[in-house]
Amino acid sequence: MLEKETRTDIKNTDYFNAVYNSWKTRQKSKSLHKEFKAIRKKKRWPLKLVAAKLGVSTRYVLYMERGEKPLNKAALELVEQFNSLGET
């Protein structure tokens, strides 16, 4: 009985909330990266074109699509633009 109470107490700690919020942020970020890649594939844009538009290297675009690098401001604006147009 004491163990169950301890487990529920752990869920209410600041540490648990911080870890959980961090996890939620990473999940949201992963979906944005996937969405970014889906837009490029749907539009049939080559990596070089997207890289030139975003001002980064083609390798960096690949890293962004895989979620290994953060999306830069221009990439986020691209995703937002297509979401507002309903094209994704």
Protein backbone atom coordinates (compact mmCIF):
# COMPACT_ATOMS: atom_id res chain seq x y z
CA MET A 1 0.00 0.00 0.00
CA LEU A 2 2.83 2.35 0.82
CA GLU A 3 4.44 1.74 -2.58
CA LYS A 4 1.31 2.85 -4.46
CA GLU A 5 1.15 6.06 -2.48
CA THR A 6 4.81 6.71 -3.25
CA ARG A 7 4.20 6.16 -6.95
CA THR A 8 1.37 8.67 -7.05
CA ASP A 9 3.50 11.13 -5.10
CA ILE A 10 6.23 10.79 -7.73
CA LYS A 11 3.75 11.69 -10.47
CA ASN A 12 2.98 14.94 -8.69
CA THR A 13 6.56 16.12 -8.36
CA ASP A 14 8.09 18.98 -10.29
CA TYR A 15 10.69 16.60 -11.71
CA PHE A 16 8.03 14.33 -13.18
CA ASN A 17 6.21 17.31 -14.68
CA ALA A 18 9.43 18.67 -16.19
CA VAL A 19 10.32 15.30 -17.74
CA TYR A 20 6.80 14.83 -19.05
CA ASN A 21 6.64 18.32 -20.57
CA SER A 22 10.03 17.78 -22.17
CA TRP A 23 8.77 14.52 -23.67
CA LYS A 24 5.61 16.24 -25.00
CA THR A 25 7.74 18.95 -26.60
CA ARG A 26 9.97 16.37 -28.28
CA GLN A 27 6.93 14.51 -29.63
CA LYS A 28 5.48 17.72 -31.05
CA SER A 29 8.86 18.58 -32.56
CA LYS A 30 9.11 15.15 -34.20
CA SER A 31 5.74 15.64 -35.84
CA LEU A 32 6.85 19.02 -37.18
CA HIS A 33 9.97 17.44 -38.66
CA LYS A 34 7.87 14.74 -40.30
CA GLU A 35 5.47 17.37 -41.60
CA PHE A 36 8.37 19.38 -43.01
CA LYS A 37 9.60 16.32 -44.90
CA ALA A 38 6.08 15.48 -46.10
CA ILE A 39 5.67 18.96 -47.56
CA ARG A 40 8.95 18.68 -49.46
CA LYS A 41 8.03 15.24 -50.79
CA LYS A 42 4.49 16.29 -51.72
CA LYS A 43 5.73 19.31 -53.64
CA ARG A 44 8.54 17.24 -55.17
CA TRP A 45 11.08 19.84 -54.21
CA PRO A 46 14.69 18.67 -54.45
CA LEU A 47 16.90 19.05 -51.39
CA LYS A 48 19.01 21.70 -53.13
CA LEU A 49 15.98 23.91 -53.76
CA VAL A 50 14.75 23.68 -50.16
CA ALA A 51 18.26 24.26 -48.84
CA ALA A 52 18.63 27.37 -50.98
CA LYS A 53 15.24 28.72 -49.84
CA LEU A 54 16.09 28.12 -46.19
CA GLY A 55 19.69 29.30 -46.45
CA VAL A 56 21.21 26.05 -45.19
CA SER A 57 23.11 23.12 -46.68
CA THR A 58 21.38 20.07 -48.14
CA ARG A 59 22.88 17.99 -45.33
CA TYR A 60 21.26 20.29 -42.76
CA VAL A 61 17.88 19.86 -44.50
CA LEU A 62 18.27 16.08 -44.14
CA TYR A 63 19.12 16.49 -40.47
CA MET A 64 16.04 18.67 -39.97
CA GLU A 65 13.83 16.11 -41.69
CA ARG A 66 15.13 13.36 -39.43
CA GLY A 67 14.73 15.48 -36.31
CA GLU A 68 18.46 15.58 -35.60
CA LYS A 69 18.63 19.37 -35.97
CA PRO A 70 16.04 21.96 -35.02
CA LEU A 71 13.88 23.49 -37.71
CA ASN A 72 15.02 27.02 -38.39
CA LYS A 73 12.62 29.95 -38.54
CA ALA A 74 12.20 29.74 -42.32
CA ALA A 75 11.36 26.02 -42.14
CA LEU A 76 8.77 26.63 -39.43
CA GLU A 77 7.25 29.42 -41.51
CA LEU A 78 7.07 27.04 -44.49
CA VAL A 79 5.19 24.44 -42.42
CA GLU A 80 2.89 27.13 -41.00
CA GLN A 81 2.20 28.54 -44.47
CA PHE A 82 1.13 25.18 -45.84
CA ASN A 83 -0.97 24.43 -42.76
CA SER A 84 -2.85 27.71 -43.16
CA LEU A 85 -3.49 26.93 -46.83
CA GLY A 86 -4.67 23.43 -45.99
CA GLU A 87 -2.21 21.87 -48.41
CA THR A 88 -0.54 19.33 -46.10
